[in-house]
Amino acid sequence: MTRRVWTYAGLAVGLVLVAFPFGWTLLASFKPESEIRRDPPTFLPEQWTFGNYAGLFERTQMDQAFFNSTVVALASVAGNLLFCSMVGYAFAKLPFRGRNVLFGLVLVQMMVPAIVVMIPQFVLIARFGMVNTFLGIILPTVVTPLGIFLMRQFIADIPDELVHAARVDGAREFRIFFQIVLPLCKPALATLGLITFFTSWNAFIWPAVVAQSEDMYTLPVALAIFNSAQATQYGLLIAGAVVVVLPILVIFLFLQRYFVQGTTFTGLK
């Protein structure tokens, strides 16, 4: 009993430490600028206001940046769910020469920092005329080594007898993949979708390099440009941070059960 009490107490302390910064940020977004700068700071707003959100959308193209981030994130998620699952299926269930070598190369790519390949990627994007376009921002993110690894690990645990029985019945590989394998991969797909959405939604360096006009900025880029263009206004920046974080939090709360299942079954830590 004592051990359980200490366990719950430790978890409660950890929850407070993790949730407190976001809770303060959310409440601070409803404070006027003078109260945010007050020393000592307050936790609950003494004067509630929506002026930070109104000012944020009036003084910036935040609605356009929100639309851009949504398009980029959803396209990246769709590409990863389709292509990474297809490649993972090939590595897990299709015997072909050099399969282990190719999968080893995928694992090696997981250890290469993204910044290392950014310049070659930008050169290719520029030569194809995709700078300052949605396609230029999205294309390098539609297939990721982590997504291939995650889907391969999950699909490898699906019994081979299901695939062999479908082949005996005359089903082709695409039908086996879409009608048998893919419906069994919901936890892994949810996990991959969440990871991809979080990564794409919060991405800053690559969108900042490719997007070269204000109407193509994503949310993190728009906030950074707004902050550097004038004197720091904490109320507007905090409201912008809430706008960036809130969709991620809502999506995670709805899909957390599948995320836990996917990370458990694939061995992802």
C-alpha atoms as a PDB file:
ATOM      1  CA  MET A   1       0.000   0.000   0.000  1.00  0.00           C
ATOM      2  CA  THR A   2       2.795   2.417   0.915  1.00  0.00           C
ATOM      3  CA  ARG A   3       4.599   1.724  -2.343  1.00  0.00           C
ATOM      4  CA  ARG A   4       1.420   2.452  -4.316  1.00  0.00           C
ATOM      5  CA  VAL A   5       0.932   5.743  -2.473  1.00  0.00           C
ATOM      6  CA  TRP A   6       4.486   6.831  -3.244  1.00  0.00           C
ATOM      7  CA  THR A   7       4.038   5.768  -6.863  1.00  0.00           C
ATOM      8  CA  TYR A   8       0.894   7.867  -7.284  1.00  0.00           C
ATOM      9  CA  ALA A   9       2.530  10.766  -5.467  1.00  0.00           C
ATOM     10  CA  GLY A  10       5.512  10.655  -7.809  1.00  0.00           C
ATOM     11  CA  LEU A  11       3.234  10.483 -10.852  1.00  0.00           C
ATOM     12  CA  ALA A  12       1.201  13.419  -9.554  1.00  0.00           C
ATOM     13  CA  VAL A  13       4.351  15.505  -9.075  1.00  0.00           C
ATOM     14  CA  GLY A  14       5.523  14.598 -12.571  1.00  0.00           C
ATOM     15  CA  LEU A  15       2.123  15.535 -14.020  1.00  0.00           C
ATOM     16  CA  VAL A  16       2.219  18.933 -12.319  1.00  0.00           C
ATOM     17  CA  LEU A  17       5.759  19.621 -13.541  1.00  0.00           C
ATOM     18  CA  VAL A  18       4.797  18.713 -17.110  1.00  0.00           C
ATOM     19  CA  ALA A  19       1.395  20.434 -17.198  1.00  0.00           C
ATOM     20  CA  PHE A  20       2.290  23.608 -15.294  1.00  0.00           C
ATOM     21  CA  PRO A  21       4.162  25.405 -18.134  1.00  0.00           C
ATOM     22  CA  PHE A  22       1.332  24.802 -20.602  1.00  0.00           C
ATOM     23  CA  GLY A  23      -1.296  25.767 -18.021  1.00  0.00           C
ATOM     24  CA  TRP A  24       0.517  29.030 -17.266  1.00  0.00           C
ATOM     25  CA  THR A  25       0.925  29.753 -20.986  1.00  0.00           C
ATOM     26  CA  LEU A  26      -2.780  29.165 -21.649  1.00  0.00           C
ATOM     27  CA  LEU A  27      -3.836  31.428 -18.791  1.00  0.00           C
ATOM     28  CA  ALA A  28      -1.238  34.076 -19.688  1.00  0.00           C
ATOM     29  CA  SER A  29      -2.679  34.314 -23.199  1.00  0.00           C
ATOM     30  CA  PHE A  30      -5.794  35.864 -21.630  1.00  0.00           C
ATOM     31  CA  LYS A  31      -3.826  38.472 -19.636  1.00  0.00           C
ATOM     32  CA  PRO A  32      -3.100  42.033 -20.786  1.00  0.00           C
ATOM     33  CA  GLU A  33       0.512  42.880 -21.574  1.00  0.00           C
ATOM     34  CA  SER A  34       0.999  44.829 -18.359  1.00  0.00           C
ATOM     35  CA  GLU A  35      -0.051  41.867 -16.218  1.00  0.00           C
ATOM     36  CA  ILE A  36       2.209  39.460 -18.130  1.00  0.00           C
ATOM     37  CA  ARG A  37       5.212  41.714 -17.419  1.00  0.00           C
ATOM     38  CA  ARG A  38       4.324  42.143 -13.743  1.00  0.00           C
ATOM     39  CA  ASP A  39       6.876  41.128 -11.140  1.00  0.00           C
ATOM     40  CA  PRO A  40       6.077  38.950  -9.250  1.00  0.00           C
ATOM     41  CA  PRO A  41       3.973  37.211 -11.907  1.00  0.00           C
ATOM     42  CA  THR A  42       0.397  36.074 -11.385  1.00  0.00           C
ATOM     43  CA  PHE A  43      -0.973  32.648 -12.234  1.00  0.00           C
ATOM     44  CA  LEU A  44      -4.692  33.373 -12.724  1.00  0.00           C
ATOM     45  CA  PRO A  45      -5.544  36.431 -14.821  1.00  0.00           C
ATOM     46  CA  GLU A  46      -6.847  39.353 -12.792  1.00  0.00           C
ATOM     47  CA  GLN A  47      -8.349  40.858 -15.930  1.00  0.00           C
ATOM     48  CA  TRP A  48      -9.473  38.411 -18.614  1.00  0.00           C
ATOM     49  CA  THR A  49      -9.094  39.587 -22.197  1.00  0.00           C
ATOM     50  CA  PHE A  50      -9.153  38.155 -25.729  1.00  0.00           C
ATOM     51  CA  GLY A  51      -7.146  41.095 -26.996  1.00  0.00           C
ATOM     52  CA  ASN A  52      -3.996  39.030 -27.519  1.00  0.00           C
ATOM     53  CA  TYR A  53      -5.750  36.680 -29.935  1.00  0.00           C
ATOM     54  CA  ALA A  54      -7.518  39.532 -31.714  1.00  0.00           C
ATOM     55  CA  GLY A  55      -4.275  41.474 -32.059  1.00  0.00           C
ATOM     56  CA  LEU A  56      -2.423  38.391 -33.256  1.00  0.00           C
ATOM     57  CA  PHE A  57      -4.796  37.773 -36.166  1.00  0.00           C
ATOM     58  CA  GLU A  58      -5.126  41.493 -36.972  1.00  0.00           C
ATOM     59  CA  ARG A  59      -1.396  42.225 -37.131  1.00  0.00           C
ATOM     60  CA  THR A  60      -0.245  39.015 -38.796  1.00  0.00           C
ATOM     61  CA  GLN A  61      -1.467  36.646 -41.494  1.00  0.00           C
ATOM     62  CA  MET A  62      -2.004  34.004 -38.828  1.00  0.00           C
ATOM     63  CA  ASP A  63      -5.086  32.598 -40.549  1.00  0.00           C
ATOM     64  CA  GLN A  64      -3.044  32.019 -43.724  1.00  0.00           C
ATOM     65  CA  ALA A  65      -0.180  30.530 -41.699  1.00  0.00           C
ATOM     66  CA  PHE A  66      -2.639  28.214 -39.932  1.00  0.00           C
ATOM     67  CA  PHE A  67      -3.995  27.088 -43.317  1.00  0.00           C
ATOM     68  CA  ASN A  68      -0.468  26.530 -44.646  1.00  0.00           C
ATOM     69  CA  SER A  69       0.535  24.458 -41.606  1.00  0.00           C
ATOM     70  CA  THR A  70      -2.640  22.384 -41.924  1.00  0.00           C
ATOM     71  CA  VAL A  71      -2.027  21.647 -45.622  1.00  0.00           C
ATOM     72  CA  VAL A  72       1.629  20.759 -45.045  1.00  0.00           C
ATOM     73  CA  ALA A  73       0.924  18.574 -41.999  1.00  0.00           C
ATOM     74  CA  LEU A  74      -2.003  16.671 -43.538  1.00  0.00           C
ATOM     75  CA  ALA A  75      -0.145  16.071 -46.808  1.00  0.00           C
ATOM     76  CA  SER A  76       2.912  14.804 -44.909  1.00  0.00           C
ATOM     77  CA  VAL A  77       0.730  12.500 -42.813  1.00  0.00           C
ATOM     78  CA  ALA A  78      -1.054  11.112 -45.887  1.00  0.00           C
ATOM     79  CA  GLY A  79       2.219  10.497 -47.703  1.00  0.00           C
ATOM     80  CA  ASN A  80       3.823   8.741 -44.734  1.00  0.00           C
ATOM     81  CA  LEU A  81       0.792   6.577 -44.017  1.00  0.00           C
ATOM     82  CA  LEU A  82       0.667   5.360 -47.604  1.00  0.00           C
ATOM     83  CA  PHE A  83       4.286   5.124 -48.703  1.00  0.00           C
ATOM     84  CA  CYS A  84       5.899   4.089 -45.405  1.00  0.00           C
ATOM     85  CA  SER A  85       3.341   1.327 -44.922  1.00  0.00           C
ATOM     86  CA  MET A  86       3.923   0.091 -48.479  1.00  0.00           C
ATOM     87  CA  VAL A  87       7.702   0.045 -48.029  1.00  0.00           C
ATOM     88  CA  GLY A  88       7.304  -1.542 -44.596  1.00  0.00           C
ATOM     89  CA  TYR A  89       5.130  -4.269 -46.106  1.00  0.00           C
ATOM     90  CA  ALA A  90       7.758  -4.962 -48.771  1.00  0.00           C
ATOM     91  CA  PHE A  91      10.512  -5.264 -46.168  1.00  0.00           C
ATOM     92  CA  ALA A  92       8.402  -7.452 -43.878  1.00  0.00           C
ATOM     93  CA  LYS A  93       6.559  -9.809 -46.261  1.00  0.00           C
ATOM     94  CA  LEU A  94       8.168  -9.747 -49.711  1.00  0.00           C
ATOM     95  CA  PRO A  95      11.371 -11.775 -50.093  1.00  0.00           C
ATOM     96  CA  PHE A  96      13.768 -10.159 -52.557  1.00  0.00           C
ATOM     97  CA  ARG A  97      17.522  -9.978 -53.005  1.00  0.00           C
ATOM     98  CA  GLY A  98      19.226  -7.294 -50.939  1.00  0.00           C
ATOM     99  CA  ARG A  99      16.275  -6.758 -48.609  1.00  0.00           C
ATOM    100  CA  ASN A 100      18.351  -6.785 -45.438  1.00  0.00           C
ATOM    101  CA  VAL A 101      20.957  -4.471 -46.959  1.00  0.00           C
ATOM    102  CA  LEU A 102      18.330  -1.950 -47.995  1.00  0.00           C
ATOM    103  CA  PHE A 103      16.669  -2.091 -44.595  1.00  0.00           C
ATOM    104  CA  GLY A 104      20.078  -1.529 -43.017  1.00  0.00           C
ATOM    105  CA  LEU A 105      20.437   1.615 -45.110  1.00  0.00           C
ATOM    106  CA  VAL A 106      17.090   2.801 -43.777  1.00  0.00           C
ATOM    107  CA  LEU A 107      18.357   2.290 -40.230  1.00  0.00           C
ATOM    108  CA  VAL A 108      21.513   4.236 -41.083  1.00  0.00           C
ATOM    109  CA  GLN A 109      19.406   7.114 -42.382  1.00  0.00           C
ATOM    110  CA  MET A 110      17.652   7.271 -39.024  1.00  0.00           C
ATOM    111  CA  MET A 111      20.993   8.207 -37.453  1.00  0.00           C
ATOM    112  CA  VAL A 112      21.785  10.983 -39.951  1.00  0.00           C
ATOM    113  CA  PRO A 113      20.728  14.452 -38.685  1.00  0.00           C
ATOM    114  CA  ALA A 114      18.235  16.177 -40.965  1.00  0.00           C
ATOM    115  CA  ILE A 115      20.425  19.274 -41.150  1.00  0.00           C
ATOM    116  CA  VAL A 116      23.115  17.245 -42.958  1.00  0.00           C
ATOM    117  CA  VAL A 117      20.921  16.584 -46.004  1.00  0.00           C
ATOM    118  CA  MET A 118      19.129  19.934 -45.990  1.00  0.00           C
ATOM    119  CA  ILE A 119      21.457  21.668 -48.457  1.00  0.00           C
ATOM    120  CA  PRO A 120      21.315  18.858 -51.082  1.00  0.00           C
ATOM    121  CA  GLN A 121      17.529  18.744 -50.661  1.00  0.00           C
ATOM    122  CA  PHE A 122      17.232  22.494 -51.182  1.00  0.00           C
ATOM    123  CA  VAL A 123      19.430  22.333 -54.290  1.00  0.00           C
ATOM    124  CA  LEU A 124      17.147  19.659 -55.770  1.00  0.00           C
ATOM    125  CA  ILE A 125      14.010  21.583 -54.822  1.00  0.00           C
ATOM    126  CA  ALA A 126      15.429  24.756 -56.407  1.00  0.00           C
ATOM    127  CA  ARG A 127      16.406  22.976 -59.639  1.00  0.00           C
ATOM    128  CA  PHE A 128      12.882  21.596 -59.994  1.00  0.00           C
ATOM    129  CA  GLY A 129      11.429  25.077 -59.449  1.00  0.00           C
ATOM    130  CA  MET A 130       9.590  24.205 -56.250  1.00  0.00           C
ATOM    131  CA  VAL A 131      10.974  26.927 -53.972  1.00  0.00           C
ATOM    132  CA  ASN A 132       8.199  28.880 -52.208  1.00  0.00           C
ATOM    133  CA  THR A 133       5.592  26.226 -53.022  1.00  0.00           C
ATOM    134  CA  PHE A 134       3.624  23.731 -50.967  1.00  0.00           C
ATOM    135  CA  LEU A 135       5.180  20.900 -52.937  1.00  0.00           C
ATOM    136  CA  GLY A 136       8.678  22.080 -52.066  1.00  0.00           C
ATOM    137  CA  ILE A 137       7.854  22.120 -48.350  1.00  0.00           C
ATOM    138  CA  ILE A 138       5.996  18.804 -48.357  1.00  0.00           C
ATOM    139  CA  LEU A 139       7.965  16.582 -50.738  1.00  0.00           C
ATOM    140  CA  PRO A 140      11.019  15.835 -48.506  1.00  0.00           C
ATOM    141  CA  THR A 141       8.688  14.762 -45.672  1.00  0.00           C
ATOM    142  CA  VAL A 142       6.323  12.323 -47.403  1.00  0.00           C
ATOM    143  CA  VAL A 143       8.576   9.314 -46.620  1.00  0.00           C
ATOM    144  CA  THR A 144      10.701   9.058 -43.481  1.00  0.00           C
ATOM    145  CA  PRO A 145      13.098   6.344 -42.264  1.00  0.00           C
ATOM    146  CA  LEU A 146      11.350   6.277 -38.881  1.00  0.00           C
ATOM    147  CA  GLY A 147       8.000   5.654 -40.563  1.00  0.00           C
ATOM    148  CA  ILE A 148       9.417   2.799 -42.639  1.00  0.00           C
ATOM    149  CA  PHE A 149      11.010   1.241 -39.557  1.00  0.00           C
ATOM    150  CA  LEU A 150       7.841   1.542 -37.476  1.00  0.00           C
ATOM    151  CA  MET A 151       5.575   0.025 -40.139  1.00  0.00           C
ATOM    152  CA  ARG A 152       8.033  -2.749 -40.964  1.00  0.00           C
ATOM    153  CA  GLN A 153       8.247  -3.774 -37.297  1.00  0.00           C
ATOM    154  CA  PHE A 154       4.475  -3.854 -36.917  1.00  0.00           C
ATOM    155  CA  ILE A 155       3.729  -5.667 -40.190  1.00  0.00           C
ATOM    156  CA  ALA A 156       6.415  -8.263 -39.429  1.00  0.00           C
ATOM    157  CA  ASP A 157       4.301  -9.404 -36.463  1.00  0.00           C
ATOM    158  CA  ILE A 158       1.277 -10.091 -38.668  1.00  0.00           C
ATOM    159  CA  PRO A 159       1.085 -13.894 -39.230  1.00  0.00           C
ATOM    160  CA  ASP A 160       2.581 -14.962 -42.550  1.00  0.00           C
ATOM    161  CA  GLU A 161      -0.239 -17.509 -42.879  1.00  0.00           C
ATOM    162  CA  LEU A 162      -2.705 -14.696 -43.660  1.00  0.00           C
ATOM    163  CA  VAL A 163      -0.574 -13.462 -46.543  1.00  0.00           C
ATOM    164  CA  HIS A 164       0.143 -16.972 -47.856  1.00  0.00           C
ATOM    165  CA  ALA A 165      -3.566 -17.921 -47.726  1.00  0.00           C
ATOM    166  CA  ALA A 166      -4.483 -14.811 -49.707  1.00  0.00           C
ATOM    167  CA  ARG A 167      -1.832 -15.603 -52.320  1.00  0.00           C
ATOM    168  CA  VAL A 168      -3.117 -19.162 -52.629  1.00  0.00           C
ATOM    169  CA  ASP A 169      -6.612 -17.756 -53.244  1.00  0.00           C
ATOM    170  CA  GLY A 170      -5.204 -15.705 -56.116  1.00  0.00           C
ATOM    171  CA  ALA A 171      -5.031 -12.284 -54.473  1.00  0.00           C
ATOM    172  CA  ARG A 172      -2.394  -9.943 -55.838  1.00  0.00           C
ATOM    173  CA  GLU A 173       0.016  -8.049 -53.598  1.00  0.00           C
ATOM    174  CA  PHE A 174      -1.813  -4.737 -53.780  1.00  0.00           C
ATOM    175  CA  ARG A 175      -5.084  -6.379 -52.774  1.00  0.00           C
ATOM    176  CA  ILE A 176      -3.352  -8.234 -49.928  1.00  0.00           C
ATOM    177  CA  PHE A 177      -1.808  -4.993 -48.746  1.00  0.00           C
ATOM    178  CA  PHE A 178      -4.912  -2.804 -48.891  1.00  0.00           C
ATOM    179  CA  GLN A 179      -7.580  -5.323 -47.823  1.00  0.00           C
ATOM    180  CA  ILE A 180      -5.736  -7.592 -45.378  1.00  0.00           C
ATOM    181  CA  VAL A 181      -2.567  -6.002 -44.036  1.00  0.00           C
ATOM    182  CA  LEU A 182      -3.487  -2.327 -43.850  1.00  0.00           C
ATOM    183  CA  PRO A 183      -6.716  -2.791 -41.807  1.00  0.00           C
ATOM    184  CA  LEU A 184      -4.658  -4.665 -39.178  1.00  0.00           C
ATOM    185  CA  CYS A 185      -2.196  -1.766 -38.851  1.00  0.00           C
ATOM    186  CA  LYS A 186      -4.487   0.809 -37.230  1.00  0.00           C
ATOM    187  CA  PRO A 187      -2.378   1.241 -34.041  1.00  0.00           C
ATOM    188  CA  ALA A 188       0.839   1.634 -36.035  1.00  0.00           C
ATOM    189  CA  LEU A 189      -0.832   3.965 -38.532  1.00  0.00           C
ATOM    190  CA  ALA A 190      -2.196   6.121 -35.708  1.00  0.00           C
ATOM    191  CA  THR A 191       1.246   6.269 -34.099  1.00  0.00           C
ATOM    192  CA  LEU A 192       2.943   7.156 -37.367  1.00  0.00           C
ATOM    193  CA  GLY A 193       0.259   9.729 -38.150  1.00  0.00           C
ATOM    194  CA  LEU A 194       0.688  11.423 -34.778  1.00  0.00           C
ATOM    195  CA  ILE A 195       4.485  11.491 -34.973  1.00  0.00           C
ATOM    196  CA  THR A 196       4.398  12.824 -38.526  1.00  0.00           C
ATOM    197  CA  PHE A 197       1.766  15.453 -37.722  1.00  0.00           C
ATOM    198  CA  PHE A 198       3.674  16.675 -34.662  1.00  0.00           C
ATOM    199  CA  THR A 199       6.950  16.844 -36.566  1.00  0.00           C
ATOM    200  CA  SER A 200       5.492  18.593 -39.598  1.00  0.00           C
ATOM    201  CA  TRP A 201       3.332  20.990 -37.588  1.00  0.00           C
ATOM    202  CA  ASN A 202       6.277  22.112 -35.434  1.00  0.00           C
ATOM    203  CA  ALA A 203       8.885  22.146 -38.226  1.00  0.00           C
ATOM    204  CA  PHE A 204      10.713  25.450 -38.527  1.00  0.00           C
ATOM    205  CA  ILE A 205      14.047  25.249 -40.360  1.00  0.00           C
ATOM    206  CA  TRP A 206      12.941  23.580 -43.605  1.00  0.00           C
ATOM    207  CA  PRO A 207       9.749  25.684 -44.085  1.00  0.00           C
ATOM    208  CA  ALA A 208      11.765  28.816 -43.243  1.00  0.00           C
ATOM    209  CA  VAL A 209      14.281  27.937 -45.978  1.00  0.00           C
ATOM    210  CA  VAL A 210      11.775  27.006 -48.695  1.00  0.00           C
ATOM    211  CA  ALA A 211       8.963  29.482 -47.949  1.00  0.00           C
ATOM    212  CA  GLN A 212      10.196  32.887 -49.076  1.00  0.00           C
ATOM    213  CA  SER A 213       7.023  34.958 -49.005  1.00  0.00           C
ATOM    214  CA  GLU A 214       4.601  35.743 -46.194  1.00  0.00           C
ATOM    215  CA  ASP A 215       1.686  33.943 -47.821  1.00  0.00           C
ATOM    216  CA  MET A 216       3.655  30.646 -47.675  1.00  0.00           C
ATOM    217  CA  TYR A 217       4.821  30.850 -44.039  1.00  0.00           C
ATOM    218  CA  THR A 218       3.756  28.114 -41.650  1.00  0.00           C
ATOM    219  CA  LEU A 219       2.837  28.909 -38.039  1.00  0.00           C
ATOM    220  CA  PRO A 220       6.317  28.563 -36.448  1.00  0.00           C
ATOM    221  CA  VAL A 221       7.892  30.642 -39.226  1.00  0.00           C
ATOM    222  CA  ALA A 222       5.190  33.316 -39.045  1.00  0.00           C
ATOM    223  CA  LEU A 223       5.630  33.651 -35.284  1.00  0.00           C
ATOM    224  CA  ALA A 224       9.414  33.892 -35.581  1.00  0.00           C
ATOM    225  CA  ILE A 225       9.222  36.540 -38.324  1.00  0.00           C
ATOM    226  CA  PHE A 226       6.638  38.512 -36.349  1.00  0.00           C
ATOM    227  CA  ASN A 227       8.829  38.427 -33.237  1.00  0.00           C
ATOM    228  CA  SER A 228      11.941  39.597 -35.082  1.00  0.00           C
ATOM    229  CA  ALA A 229      10.166  42.372 -36.986  1.00  0.00           C
ATOM    230  CA  GLN A 230       9.287  44.486 -33.944  1.00  0.00           C
ATOM    231  CA  ALA A 231       9.681  44.909 -30.206  1.00  0.00           C
ATOM    232  CA  THR A 232       8.716  41.783 -28.290  1.00  0.00           C
ATOM    233  CA  GLN A 233       5.062  41.694 -27.266  1.00  0.00           C
ATOM    234  CA  TYR A 234       4.708  38.727 -24.987  1.00  0.00           C
ATOM    235  CA  GLY A 235       0.926  38.638 -25.058  1.00  0.00           C
ATOM    236  CA  LEU A 236       0.785  38.171 -28.816  1.00  0.00           C
ATOM    237  CA  LEU A 237       3.607  35.600 -28.796  1.00  0.00           C
ATOM    238  CA  ILE A 238       1.994  33.591 -26.008  1.00  0.00           C
ATOM    239  CA  ALA A 239      -1.328  33.617 -27.853  1.00  0.00           C
ATOM    240  CA  GLY A 240       0.503  32.429 -30.970  1.00  0.00           C
ATOM    241  CA  ALA A 241       2.156  29.631 -28.994  1.00  0.00           C
ATOM    242  CA  VAL A 242      -1.271  28.464 -27.805  1.00  0.00           C
ATOM    243  CA  VAL A 243      -2.577  28.514 -31.381  1.00  0.00           C
ATOM    244  CA  VAL A 244       0.352  26.312 -32.426  1.00  0.00           C
ATOM    245  CA  VAL A 245       0.133  23.840 -29.535  1.00  0.00           C
ATOM    246  CA  LEU A 246      -3.633  23.469 -29.086  1.00  0.00           C
ATOM    247  CA  PRO A 247      -4.367  21.408 -32.266  1.00  0.00           C
ATOM    248  CA  ILE A 248      -1.560  18.996 -31.359  1.00  0.00           C
ATOM    249  CA  LEU A 249      -2.931  18.542 -27.853  1.00  0.00           C
ATOM    250  CA  VAL A 250      -6.489  17.930 -29.070  1.00  0.00           C
ATOM    251  CA  ILE A 251      -5.414  15.382 -31.684  1.00  0.00           C
ATOM    252  CA  PHE A 252      -3.227  13.531 -29.189  1.00  0.00           C
ATOM    253  CA  LEU A 253      -6.047  13.308 -26.633  1.00  0.00           C
ATOM    254  CA  PHE A 254      -8.311  11.686 -29.224  1.00  0.00           C
ATOM    255  CA  LEU A 255      -5.685   9.238 -30.553  1.00  0.00           C
ATOM    256  CA  GLN A 256      -3.578   8.507 -27.476  1.00  0.00           C
ATOM    257  CA  ARG A 257      -4.990   4.975 -27.102  1.00  0.00           C
ATOM    258  CA  TYR A 258      -3.793   4.016 -30.588  1.00  0.00           C
ATOM    259  CA  PHE A 259      -0.476   5.772 -29.990  1.00  0.00           C
ATOM    260  CA  VAL A 260       0.201   3.663 -26.880  1.00  0.00           C
ATOM    261  CA  GLN A 261      -0.780   0.466 -28.713  1.00  0.00           C
ATOM    262  CA  GLY A 262       1.438   1.306 -31.679  1.00  0.00           C
ATOM    263  CA  THR A 263       4.499   2.087 -29.593  1.00  0.00           C
ATOM    264  CA  THR A 264       3.960  -1.105 -27.566  1.00  0.00           C
ATOM    265  CA  PHE A 265       3.571  -3.449 -30.515  1.00  0.00           C
ATOM    266  CA  THR A 266       6.434  -2.004 -32.549  1.00  0.00           C
ATOM    267  CA  GLY A 267       8.917  -1.744 -29.699  1.00  0.00           C
ATOM    268  CA  LEU A 268       9.306   2.004 -30.298  1.00  0.00           C
ATOM    269  CA  LYS A 269      10.609   3.796 -27.208  1.00  0.00           C
END
